[in-house]
Amino acid sequence: MDMNKMMKQMQEMQAQMVKAQEELANETVEASAGGGVVTVKATGALEIVEVKIAPEAIDPDDPDLLADMILAAVNEALRSAQGLAESKLGSAMGGLGGGLGLPGL
């Protein structure tokens, strides 16, 4: 086993991981709830960057419904962002899998 070759491969993999993480921070996913009255955008780095609420979603007599729609949209956006991260970081790892600090990887 050639240790120099292995070290070079590890350095290349690390560089690919850094590049993939930088790309993820710039990519966004969007999810909605309530037929699109609540939309949420998240980055591939699992950060919520935008929440939009249509005026018709704001019912002062039913604030719980709005809260539920926001939670549903946020959770779906985070699931989508995590899926994006897993696919991008997984390919950068060359199929080696875990140890990335992201749930599910």
PDB file of N, CA and C in Angstrom:
ATOM      1  N   MET A   1       0.845  -1.182   0.000  1.00  0.00           N
ATOM      2  CA  MET A   1       0.000   0.000   0.000  1.00  0.00           C
ATOM      3  C   MET A   1       0.891   1.246   0.000  1.00  0.00           C
ATOM      4  N   ASP A   2       0.619   2.137  -0.921  1.00  0.00           N
ATOM      5  CA  ASP A   2       1.407   3.357  -1.084  1.00  0.00           C
ATOM      6  C   ASP A   2       0.795   4.484  -0.243  1.00  0.00           C
ATOM      7  N   MET A   3       1.468   4.825   0.857  1.00  0.00           N
ATOM      8  CA  MET A   3       0.951   5.861   1.772  1.00  0.00           C
ATOM      9  C   MET A   3       0.898   7.228   1.108  1.00  0.00           C
ATOM     10  N   ASN A   4       1.874   7.553   0.270  1.00  0.00           N
ATOM     11  CA  ASN A   4       1.859   8.853  -0.418  1.00  0.00           C
ATOM     12  C   ASN A   4       0.651   8.974  -1.329  1.00  0.00           C
ATOM     13  N   LYS A   5       0.329   7.901  -2.026  1.00  0.00           N
ATOM     14  CA  LYS A   5      -0.831   7.909  -2.916  1.00  0.00           C
ATOM     15  C   LYS A   5      -2.120   8.071  -2.105  1.00  0.00           C
ATOM     16  N   MET A   6      -2.195   7.369  -0.980  1.00  0.00           N
ATOM     17  CA  MET A   6      -3.370   7.463  -0.135  1.00  0.00           C
ATOM     18  C   MET A   6      -3.521   8.875   0.437  1.00  0.00           C
ATOM     19  N   MET A   7      -2.430   9.479   0.867  1.00  0.00           N
ATOM     20  CA  MET A   7      -2.483  10.839   1.404  1.00  0.00           C
ATOM     21  C   MET A   7      -2.937  11.824   0.328  1.00  0.00           C
ATOM     22  N   LYS A   8      -2.443  11.645  -0.890  1.00  0.00           N
ATOM     23  CA  LYS A   8      -2.844  12.523  -1.990  1.00  0.00           C
ATOM     24  C   LYS A   8      -4.336  12.373  -2.274  1.00  0.00           C
ATOM     25  N   GLN A   9      -4.839  11.156  -2.248  1.00  0.00           N
ATOM     26  CA  GLN A   9      -6.264  10.918  -2.468  1.00  0.00           C
ATOM     27  C   GLN A   9      -7.100  11.568  -1.369  1.00  0.00           C
ATOM     28  N   MET A  10      -6.647  11.491  -0.144  1.00  0.00           N
ATOM     29  CA  MET A  10      -7.369  12.113   0.965  1.00  0.00           C
ATOM     30  C   MET A  10      -7.387  13.634   0.827  1.00  0.00           C
ATOM     31  N   GLN A  11      -6.285  14.224   0.403  1.00  0.00           N
ATOM     32  CA  GLN A  11      -6.227  15.667   0.203  1.00  0.00           C
ATOM     33  C   GLN A  11      -7.158  16.087  -0.926  1.00  0.00           C
ATOM     34  N   GLU A  12      -7.210  15.297  -1.988  1.00  0.00           N
ATOM     35  CA  GLU A  12      -8.119  15.595  -3.093  1.00  0.00           C
ATOM     36  C   GLU A  12      -9.565  15.504  -2.636  1.00  0.00           C
ATOM     37  N   MET A  13      -9.874  14.491  -1.843  1.00  0.00           N
ATOM     38  CA  MET A  13     -11.225  14.321  -1.330  1.00  0.00           C
ATOM     39  C   MET A  13     -11.600  15.489  -0.420  1.00  0.00           C
ATOM     40  N   GLN A  14     -10.663  15.932   0.396  1.00  0.00           N
ATOM     41  CA  GLN A  14     -10.928  17.064   1.286  1.00  0.00           C
ATOM     42  C   GLN A  14     -11.197  18.324   0.474  1.00  0.00           C
ATOM     43  N   ALA A  15     -10.436  18.547  -0.586  1.00  0.00           N
ATOM     44  CA  ALA A  15     -10.651  19.713  -1.448  1.00  0.00           C
ATOM     45  C   ALA A  15     -12.017  19.635  -2.119  1.00  0.00           C
ATOM     46  N   GLN A  16     -12.436  18.443  -2.529  1.00  0.00           N
ATOM     47  CA  GLN A  16     -13.752  18.273  -3.142  1.00  0.00           C
ATOM     48  C   GLN A  16     -14.855  18.562  -2.132  1.00  0.00           C
ATOM     49  N   MET A  17     -14.639  18.149  -0.886  1.00  0.00           N
ATOM     50  CA  MET A  17     -15.630  18.399   0.163  1.00  0.00           C
ATOM     51  C   MET A  17     -15.784  19.889   0.424  1.00  0.00           C
ATOM     52  N   VAL A  18     -14.674  20.601   0.499  1.00  0.00           N
ATOM     53  CA  VAL A  18     -14.727  22.047   0.741  1.00  0.00           C
ATOM     54  C   VAL A  18     -15.467  22.721  -0.399  1.00  0.00           C
ATOM     55  N   LYS A  19     -15.170  22.333  -1.624  1.00  0.00           N
ATOM     56  CA  LYS A  19     -15.836  22.920  -2.792  1.00  0.00           C
ATOM     57  C   LYS A  19     -17.334  22.620  -2.757  1.00  0.00           C
ATOM     58  N   ALA A  20     -17.698  21.380  -2.447  1.00  0.00           N
ATOM     59  CA  ALA A  20     -19.108  21.000  -2.390  1.00  0.00           C
ATOM     60  C   ALA A  20     -19.842  21.788  -1.304  1.00  0.00           C
ATOM     61  N   GLN A  21     -19.215  21.986  -0.142  1.00  0.00           N
ATOM     62  CA  GLN A  21     -19.841  22.748   0.935  1.00  0.00           C
ATOM     63  C   GLN A  21     -20.035  24.200   0.539  1.00  0.00           C
ATOM     64  N   GLU A  22     -19.076  24.776  -0.174  1.00  0.00           N
ATOM     65  CA  GLU A  22     -19.213  26.155  -0.639  1.00  0.00           C
ATOM     66  C   GLU A  22     -20.357  26.266  -1.644  1.00  0.00           C
ATOM     67  N   GLU A  23     -20.460  25.290  -2.538  1.00  0.00           N
ATOM     68  CA  GLU A  23     -21.544  25.294  -3.520  1.00  0.00           C
ATOM     69  C   GLU A  23     -22.897  25.159  -2.832  1.00  0.00           C
ATOM     70  N   LEU A  24     -22.975  24.318  -1.817  1.00  0.00           N
ATOM     71  CA  LEU A  24     -24.231  24.124  -1.095  1.00  0.00           C
ATOM     72  C   LEU A  24     -24.722  25.410  -0.449  1.00  0.00           C
ATOM     73  N   ALA A  25     -23.820  26.197   0.053  1.00  0.00           N
ATOM     74  CA  ALA A  25     -24.208  27.450   0.708  1.00  0.00           C
ATOM     75  C   ALA A  25     -24.873  28.400  -0.278  1.00  0.00           C
ATOM     76  N   ASN A  26     -24.607  28.217  -1.583  1.00  0.00           N
ATOM     77  CA  ASN A  26     -25.163  29.096  -2.609  1.00  0.00           C
ATOM     78  C   ASN A  26     -26.384  28.518  -3.315  1.00  0.00           C
ATOM     79  N   GLU A  27     -26.717  27.271  -3.048  1.00  0.00           N
ATOM     80  CA  GLU A  27     -27.875  26.650  -3.673  1.00  0.00           C
ATOM     81  C   GLU A  27     -29.061  26.710  -2.720  1.00  0.00           C
ATOM     82  N   THR A  28     -30.252  26.896  -3.298  1.00  0.00           N
ATOM     83  CA  THR A  28     -31.452  26.964  -2.463  1.00  0.00           C
ATOM     84  C   THR A  28     -32.493  25.970  -2.941  1.00  0.00           C
ATOM     85  N   VAL A  29     -33.333  25.585  -2.017  1.00  0.00           N
ATOM     86  CA  VAL A  29     -34.509  24.775  -2.303  1.00  0.00           C
ATOM     87  C   VAL A  29     -35.704  25.536  -1.755  1.00  0.00           C
ATOM     88  N   GLU A  30     -36.874  25.222  -2.280  1.00  0.00           N
ATOM     89  CA  GLU A  30     -38.088  25.903  -1.839  1.00  0.00           C
ATOM     90  C   GLU A  30     -39.159  24.866  -1.550  1.00  0.00           C
ATOM     91  N   ALA A  31     -39.935  25.114  -0.509  1.00  0.00           N
ATOM     92  CA  ALA A  31     -41.054  24.245  -0.157  1.00  0.00           C
ATOM     93  C   ALA A  31     -42.238  25.130   0.210  1.00  0.00           C
ATOM     94  N   SER A  32     -43.428  24.567   0.061  1.00  0.00           N
ATOM     95  CA  SER A  32     -44.619  25.348   0.393  1.00  0.00           C
ATOM     96  C   SER A  32     -45.614  24.487   1.140  1.00  0.00           C
ATOM     97  N   ALA A  33     -46.579  25.161   1.744  1.00  0.00           N
ATOM     98  CA  ALA A  33     -47.657  24.488   2.471  1.00  0.00           C
ATOM     99  C   ALA A  33     -48.935  25.291   2.272  1.00  0.00           C
ATOM    100  N   GLY A  34     -50.052  24.643   2.536  1.00  0.00           N
ATOM    101  CA  GLY A  34     -51.333  25.330   2.419  1.00  0.00           C
ATOM    102  C   GLY A  34     -51.653  25.743   0.998  1.00  0.00           C
ATOM    103  N   GLY A  35     -51.262  24.908   0.057  1.00  0.00           N
ATOM    104  CA  GLY A  35     -51.535  25.245  -1.342  1.00  0.00           C
ATOM    105  C   GLY A  35     -50.698  26.393  -1.848  1.00  0.00           C
ATOM    106  N   GLY A  36     -49.577  26.633  -1.222  1.00  0.00           N
ATOM    107  CA  GLY A  36     -48.668  27.683  -1.674  1.00  0.00           C
ATOM    108  C   GLY A  36     -48.816  29.011  -0.955  1.00  0.00           C
ATOM    109  N   VAL A  37     -49.661  29.078   0.071  1.00  0.00           N
ATOM    110  CA  VAL A  37     -49.814  30.347   0.786  1.00  0.00           C
ATOM    111  C   VAL A  37     -48.645  30.626   1.719  1.00  0.00           C
ATOM    112  N   VAL A  38     -47.892  29.576   2.072  1.00  0.00           N
ATOM    113  CA  VAL A  38     -46.669  29.734   2.853  1.00  0.00           C
ATOM    114  C   VAL A  38     -45.541  29.069   2.066  1.00  0.00           C
ATOM    115  N   THR A  39     -44.485  29.831   1.777  1.00  0.00           N
ATOM    116  CA  THR A  39     -43.327  29.258   1.101  1.00  0.00           C
ATOM    117  C   THR A  39     -42.074  29.565   1.910  1.00  0.00           C
ATOM    118  N   VAL A  40     -41.142  28.616   1.876  1.00  0.00           N
ATOM    119  CA  VAL A  40     -39.900  28.738   2.630  1.00  0.00           C
ATOM    120  C   VAL A  40     -38.752  28.353   1.708  1.00  0.00           C
ATOM    121  N   LYS A  41     -37.678  29.143   1.750  1.00  0.00           N
ATOM    122  CA  LYS A  41     -36.467  28.816   1.019  1.00  0.00           C
ATOM    123  C   LYS A  41     -35.362  28.512   2.017  1.00  0.00           C
ATOM    124  N   ALA A  42     -34.559  27.480   1.683  1.00  0.00           N
ATOM    125  CA  ALA A  42     -33.429  27.098   2.526  1.00  0.00           C
ATOM    126  C   ALA A  42     -32.227  26.839   1.627  1.00  0.00           C
ATOM    127  N   THR A  43     -31.044  27.053   2.180  1.00  0.00           N
ATOM    128  CA  THR A  43     -29.830  26.751   1.426  1.00  0.00           C
ATOM    129  C   THR A  43     -29.476  25.281   1.615  1.00  0.00           C
ATOM    130  N   GLY A  44     -28.584  24.804   0.764  1.00  0.00           N
ATOM    131  CA  GLY A  44     -28.079  23.449   0.912  1.00  0.00           C
ATOM    132  C   GLY A  44     -27.274  23.278   2.185  1.00  0.00           C
ATOM    133  N   ALA A  45     -26.914  24.395   2.829  1.00  0.00           N
ATOM    134  CA  ALA A  45     -26.208  24.356   4.104  1.00  0.00           C
ATOM    135  C   ALA A  45     -27.195  24.315   5.278  1.00  0.00           C
ATOM    136  N   LEU A  46     -28.465  24.034   4.970  1.00  0.00           N
ATOM    137  CA  LEU A  46     -29.536  23.882   5.968  1.00  0.00           C
ATOM    138  C   LEU A  46     -29.852  25.169   6.714  1.00  0.00           C
ATOM    139  N   GLU A  47     -29.786  26.286   6.033  1.00  0.00           N
ATOM    140  CA  GLU A  47     -30.120  27.580   6.627  1.00  0.00           C
ATOM    141  C   GLU A  47     -31.372  28.130   5.949  1.00  0.00           C
ATOM    142  N   ILE A  48     -32.380  28.507   6.755  1.00  0.00           N
ATOM    143  CA  ILE A  48     -33.590  29.126   6.223  1.00  0.00           C
ATOM    144  C   ILE A  48     -33.241  30.557   5.827  1.00  0.00           C
ATOM    145  N   VAL A  49     -33.524  30.917   4.569  1.00  0.00           N
ATOM    146  CA  VAL A  49     -33.151  32.250   4.100  1.00  0.00           C
ATOM    147  C   VAL A  49     -34.357  33.110   3.744  1.00  0.00           C
ATOM    148  N   GLU A  50     -35.541  32.498   3.632  1.00  0.00           N
ATOM    149  CA  GLU A  50     -36.718  33.298   3.277  1.00  0.00           C
ATOM    150  C   GLU A  50     -37.986  32.568   3.682  1.00  0.00           C
ATOM    151  N   VAL A  51     -38.939  33.334   4.217  1.00  0.00           N
ATOM    152  CA  VAL A  51     -40.278  32.831   4.511  1.00  0.00           C
ATOM    153  C   VAL A  51     -41.254  33.841   3.928  1.00  0.00           C
ATOM    154  N   LYS A  52     -42.181  33.355   3.085  1.00  0.00           N
ATOM    155  CA  LYS A  52     -43.215  34.222   2.520  1.00  0.00           C
ATOM    156  C   LYS A  52     -44.579  33.700   2.952  1.00  0.00           C
ATOM    157  N   ILE A  53     -45.419  34.640   3.386  1.00  0.00           N
ATOM    158  CA  ILE A  53     -46.764  34.291   3.826  1.00  0.00           C
ATOM    159  C   ILE A  53     -47.734  35.167   3.042  1.00  0.00           C
ATOM    160  N   ALA A  54     -48.635  34.527   2.316  1.00  0.00           N
ATOM    161  CA  ALA A  54     -49.651  35.268   1.565  1.00  0.00           C
ATOM    162  C   ALA A  54     -50.629  35.896   2.553  1.00  0.00           C
ATOM    163  N   PRO A  55     -51.104  37.105   2.254  1.00  0.00           N
ATOM    164  CA  PRO A  55     -52.033  37.788   3.177  1.00  0.00           C
ATOM    165  C   PRO A  55     -53.262  36.944   3.528  1.00  0.00           C
ATOM    166  N   GLU A  56     -53.750  36.154   2.573  1.00  0.00           N
ATOM    167  CA  GLU A  56     -54.953  35.352   2.863  1.00  0.00           C
ATOM    168  C   GLU A  56     -54.695  34.241   3.872  1.00  0.00           C
ATOM    169  N   ALA A  57     -53.435  33.944   4.161  1.00  0.00           N
ATOM    170  CA  ALA A  57     -53.102  32.921   5.156  1.00  0.00           C
ATOM    171  C   ALA A  57     -53.207  33.449   6.574  1.00  0.00           C
ATOM    172  N   ILE A  58     -53.296  34.739   6.715  1.00  0.00           N
ATOM    173  CA  ILE A  58     -53.310  35.355   8.051  1.00  0.00           C
ATOM    174  C   ILE A  58     -54.758  35.519   8.517  1.00  0.00           C
ATOM    175  N   ASP A  59     -55.189  34.585   9.329  1.00  0.00           N
ATOM    176  CA  ASP A  59     -56.536  34.616   9.892  1.00  0.00           C
ATOM    177  C   ASP A  59     -56.398  34.850  11.391  1.00  0.00           C
ATOM    178  N   PRO A  60     -56.764  36.042  11.873  1.00  0.00           N
ATOM    179  CA  PRO A  60     -56.598  36.332  13.298  1.00  0.00           C
ATOM    180  C   PRO A  60     -57.406  35.392  14.205  1.00  0.00           C
ATOM    181  N   ASP A  61     -58.410  34.739  13.638  1.00  0.00           N
ATOM    182  CA  ASP A  61     -59.215  33.811  14.432  1.00  0.00           C
ATOM    183  C   ASP A  61     -58.610  32.408  14.471  1.00  0.00           C
ATOM    184  N   ASP A  62     -57.571  32.151  13.659  1.00  0.00           N
ATOM    185  CA  ASP A  62     -56.975  30.822  13.623  1.00  0.00           C
ATOM    186  C   ASP A  62     -55.453  30.892  13.440  1.00  0.00           C
ATOM    187  N   PRO A  63     -54.747  31.464  14.426  1.00  0.00           N
ATOM    188  CA  PRO A  63     -53.288  31.570  14.292  1.00  0.00           C
ATOM    189  C   PRO A  63     -52.587  30.210  14.284  1.00  0.00           C
ATOM    190  N   ASP A  64     -53.232  29.191  14.861  1.00  0.00           N
ATOM    191  CA  ASP A  64     -52.620  27.862  14.887  1.00  0.00           C
ATOM    192  C   ASP A  64     -52.487  27.263  13.497  1.00  0.00           C
ATOM    193  N   LEU A  65     -53.438  27.528  12.633  1.00  0.00           N
ATOM    194  CA  LEU A  65     -53.369  27.020  11.266  1.00  0.00           C
ATOM    195  C   LEU A  65     -52.152  27.610  10.549  1.00  0.00           C
ATOM    196  N   LEU A  66     -51.935  28.908  10.703  1.00  0.00           N
ATOM    197  CA  LEU A  66     -50.769  29.549  10.086  1.00  0.00           C
ATOM    198  C   LEU A  66     -49.473  28.969  10.647  1.00  0.00           C
ATOM    199  N   ALA A  67     -49.420  28.791  11.948  1.00  0.00           N
ATOM    200  CA  ALA A  67     -48.227  28.209  12.575  1.00  0.00           C
ATOM    201  C   ALA A  67     -47.968  26.811  12.028  1.00  0.00           C
ATOM    202  N   ASP A  68     -49.012  26.013  11.864  1.00  0.00           N
ATOM    203  CA  ASP A  68     -48.853  24.657  11.324  1.00  0.00           C
ATOM    204  C   ASP A  68     -48.342  24.693   9.887  1.00  0.00           C
ATOM    205  N   MET A  69     -48.851  25.615   9.089  1.00  0.00           N
ATOM    206  CA  MET A  69     -48.388  25.720   7.701  1.00  0.00           C
ATOM    207  C   MET A  69     -46.920  26.144   7.639  1.00  0.00           C
ATOM    208  N   ILE A  70     -46.538  27.063   8.507  1.00  0.00           N
ATOM    209  CA  ILE A  70     -45.136  27.504   8.539  1.00  0.00           C
ATOM    210  C   ILE A  70     -44.233  26.341   8.933  1.00  0.00           C
ATOM    211  N   LEU A  71     -44.613  25.609   9.971  1.00  0.00           N
ATOM    212  CA  LEU A  71     -43.819  24.452  10.393  1.00  0.00           C
ATOM    213  C   LEU A  71     -43.703  23.418   9.277  1.00  0.00           C
ATOM    214  N   ALA A  72     -44.803  23.151   8.605  1.00  0.00           N
ATOM    215  CA  ALA A  72     -44.779  22.159   7.524  1.00  0.00           C
ATOM    216  C   ALA A  72     -43.847  22.605   6.402  1.00  0.00           C
ATOM    217  N   ALA A  73     -43.922  23.867   6.020  1.00  0.00           N
ATOM    218  CA  ALA A  73     -43.075  24.369   4.934  1.00  0.00           C
ATOM    219  C   ALA A  73     -41.609  24.388   5.341  1.00  0.00           C
ATOM    220  N   VAL A  74     -41.317  24.795   6.566  1.00  0.00           N
ATOM    221  CA  VAL A  74     -39.924  24.813   7.049  1.00  0.00           C
ATOM    222  C   VAL A  74     -39.355  23.402   7.086  1.00  0.00           C
ATOM    223  N   ASN A  75     -40.112  22.464   7.637  1.00  0.00           N
ATOM    224  CA  ASN A  75     -39.621  21.091   7.716  1.00  0.00           C
ATOM    225  C   ASN A  75     -39.395  20.494   6.336  1.00  0.00           C
ATOM    226  N   GLU A  76     -40.286  20.757   5.397  1.00  0.00           N
ATOM    227  CA  GLU A  76     -40.109  20.228   4.048  1.00  0.00           C
ATOM    228  C   GLU A  76     -38.900  20.878   3.368  1.00  0.00           C
ATOM    229  N   ALA A  77     -38.709  22.177   3.570  1.00  0.00           N
ATOM    230  CA  ALA A  77     -37.539  22.855   2.992  1.00  0.00           C
ATOM    231  C   ALA A  77     -36.248  22.277   3.562  1.00  0.00           C
ATOM    232  N   LEU A  78     -36.228  22.015   4.859  1.00  0.00           N
ATOM    233  CA  LEU A  78     -35.028  21.435   5.468  1.00  0.00           C
ATOM    234  C   LEU A  78     -34.771  20.012   4.970  1.00  0.00           C
ATOM    235  N   ARG A  79     -35.850  19.230   4.782  1.00  0.00           N
ATOM    236  CA  ARG A  79     -35.674  17.881   4.229  1.00  0.00           C
ATOM    237  C   ARG A  79     -35.098  17.956   2.815  1.00  0.00           C
ATOM    238  N   SER A  80     -35.610  18.874   2.019  1.00  0.00           N
ATOM    239  CA  SER A  80     -35.109  19.037   0.652  1.00  0.00           C
ATOM    240  C   SER A  80     -33.658  19.501   0.653  1.00  0.00           C
ATOM    241  N   ALA A  81     -33.336  20.441   1.531  1.00  0.00           N
ATOM    242  CA  ALA A  81     -31.956  20.938   1.619  1.00  0.00           C
ATOM    243  C   ALA A  81     -31.017  19.827   2.078  1.00  0.00           C
ATOM    244  N   GLN A  82     -31.468  19.005   3.009  1.00  0.00           N
ATOM    245  CA  GLN A  82     -30.639  17.908   3.480  1.00  0.00           C
ATOM    246  C   GLN A  82     -30.422  16.894   2.360  1.00  0.00           C
ATOM    247  N   GLY A  83     -31.461  16.620   1.582  1.00  0.00           N
ATOM    248  CA  GLY A  83     -31.318  15.715   0.451  1.00  0.00           C
ATOM    249  C   GLY A  83     -30.315  16.248  -0.559  1.00  0.00           C
ATOM    250  N   LEU A  84     -30.368  17.550  -0.813  1.00  0.00           N
ATOM    251  CA  LEU A  84     -29.407  18.181  -1.713  1.00  0.00           C
ATOM    252  C   LEU A  84     -27.993  18.037  -1.153  1.00  0.00           C
ATOM    253  N   ALA A  85     -27.839  18.302   0.137  1.00  0.00           N
ATOM    254  CA  ALA A  85     -26.520  18.197   0.770  1.00  0.00           C
ATOM    255  C   ALA A  85     -26.003  16.763   0.713  1.00  0.00           C
ATOM    256  N   GLU A  86     -26.866  15.808   0.993  1.00  0.00           N
ATOM    257  CA  GLU A  86     -26.439  14.410   0.962  1.00  0.00           C
ATOM    258  C   GLU A  86     -25.979  13.999  -0.424  1.00  0.00           C
ATOM    259  N   SER A  87     -26.714  14.444  -1.450  1.00  0.00           N
ATOM    260  CA  SER A  87     -26.325  14.044  -2.795  1.00  0.00           C
ATOM    261  C   SER A  87     -25.012  14.712  -3.206  1.00  0.00           C
ATOM    262  N   LYS A  88     -24.864  15.993  -2.895  1.00  0.00           N
ATOM    263  CA  LYS A  88     -23.658  16.708  -3.306  1.00  0.00           C
ATOM    264  C   LYS A  88     -22.443  16.268  -2.495  1.00  0.00           C
ATOM    265  N   LEU A  89     -22.587  16.156  -1.186  1.00  0.00           N
ATOM    266  CA  LEU A  89     -21.459  15.759  -0.346  1.00  0.00           C
ATOM    267  C   LEU A  89     -21.155  14.277  -0.502  1.00  0.00           C
ATOM    268  N   GLY A  90     -22.188  13.479  -0.722  1.00  0.00           N
ATOM    269  CA  GLY A  90     -21.968  12.054  -0.940  1.00  0.00           C
ATOM    270  C   GLY A  90     -21.161  11.804  -2.195  1.00  0.00           C
ATOM    271  N   SER A  91     -21.442  12.556  -3.257  1.00  0.00           N
ATOM    272  CA  SER A  91     -20.669  12.373  -4.483  1.00  0.00           C
ATOM    273  C   SER A  91     -19.245  12.890  -4.308  1.00  0.00           C
ATOM    274  N   ALA A  92     -19.069  13.917  -3.493  1.00  0.00           N
ATOM    275  CA  ALA A  92     -17.715  14.429  -3.237  1.00  0.00           C
ATOM    276  C   ALA A  92     -16.907  13.419  -2.430  1.00  0.00           C
ATOM    277  N   MET A  93     -17.588  12.624  -1.612  1.00  0.00           N
ATOM    278  CA  MET A  93     -16.905  11.620  -0.795  1.00  0.00           C
ATOM    279  C   MET A  93     -16.628  10.349  -1.589  1.00  0.00           C
ATOM    280  N   GLY A  94     -17.128  10.275  -2.813  1.00  0.00           N
ATOM    281  CA  GLY A  94     -16.891   9.096  -3.601  1.00  0.00           C
ATOM    282  C   GLY A  94     -17.579   7.864  -3.029  1.00  0.00           C
ATOM    283  N   GLY A  95     -18.738   8.094  -2.365  1.00  0.00           N
ATOM    284  CA  GLY A  95     -19.477   6.979  -1.820  1.00  0.00           C
ATOM    285  C   GLY A  95     -18.967   6.465  -0.486  1.00  0.00           C
ATOM    286  N   LEU A  96     -18.070   7.193   0.174  1.00  0.00           N
ATOM    287  CA  LEU A  96     -17.551   6.714   1.449  1.00  0.00           C
ATOM    288  C   LEU A  96     -18.528   6.900   2.587  1.00  0.00           C
ATOM    289  N   GLY A  97     -19.515   7.812   2.426  1.00  0.00           N
ATOM    290  CA  GLY A  97     -20.561   7.925   3.427  1.00  0.00           C
ATOM    291  C   GLY A  97     -20.224   8.819   4.594  1.00  0.00           C
ATOM    292  N   GLY A  98     -20.578   8.351   5.810  1.00  0.00           N
ATOM    293  CA  GLY A  98     -20.660   9.114   7.045  1.00  0.00           C
ATOM    294  C   GLY A  98     -19.485   9.974   7.461  1.00  0.00           C
ATOM    295  N   GLY A  99     -19.663  10.543   8.646  1.00  0.00           N
ATOM    296  CA  GLY A  99     -18.623  11.359   9.240  1.00  0.00           C
ATOM    297  C   GLY A  99     -18.661  12.805   8.811  1.00  0.00           C
ATOM    298  N   LEU A 100     -19.774  13.251   8.175  1.00  0.00           N
ATOM    299  CA  LEU A 100     -19.831  14.617   7.690  1.00  0.00           C
ATOM    300  C   LEU A 100     -20.513  15.555   8.679  1.00  0.00           C
ATOM    301  N   GLY A 101     -21.068  15.007   9.726  1.00  0.00           N
ATOM    302  CA  GLY A 101     -21.733  15.852  10.705  1.00  0.00           C
ATOM    303  C   GLY A 101     -23.148  16.225  10.304  1.00  0.00           C
ATOM    304  N   LEU A 102     -23.672  15.647   9.223  1.00  0.00           N
ATOM    305  CA  LEU A 102     -25.046  15.903   8.812  1.00  0.00           C
ATOM    306  C   LEU A 102     -25.883  14.691   9.157  1.00  0.00           C
ATOM    307  N   PRO A 103     -27.034  14.906   9.780  1.00  0.00           N
ATOM    308  CA  PRO A 103     -27.889  13.770  10.108  1.00  0.00           C
ATOM    309  C   PRO A 103     -28.226  12.998   8.835  1.00  0.00           C
ATOM    310  N   GLY A 104     -28.203  11.707   8.926  1.00  0.00           N
ATOM    311  CA  GLY A 104     -28.575  10.875   7.797  1.00  0.00           C
ATOM    312  C   GLY A 104     -27.433  10.560   6.854  1.00  0.00           C
ATOM    313  N   LEU A 105     -26.267  11.148   7.051  1.00  0.00           N
ATOM    314  CA  LEU A 105     -25.145  10.849   6.164  1.00  0.00           C
ATOM    315  C   LEU A 105     -24.259   9.806   6.773  1.00  0.00           C
TER     316      LEU A 105
END
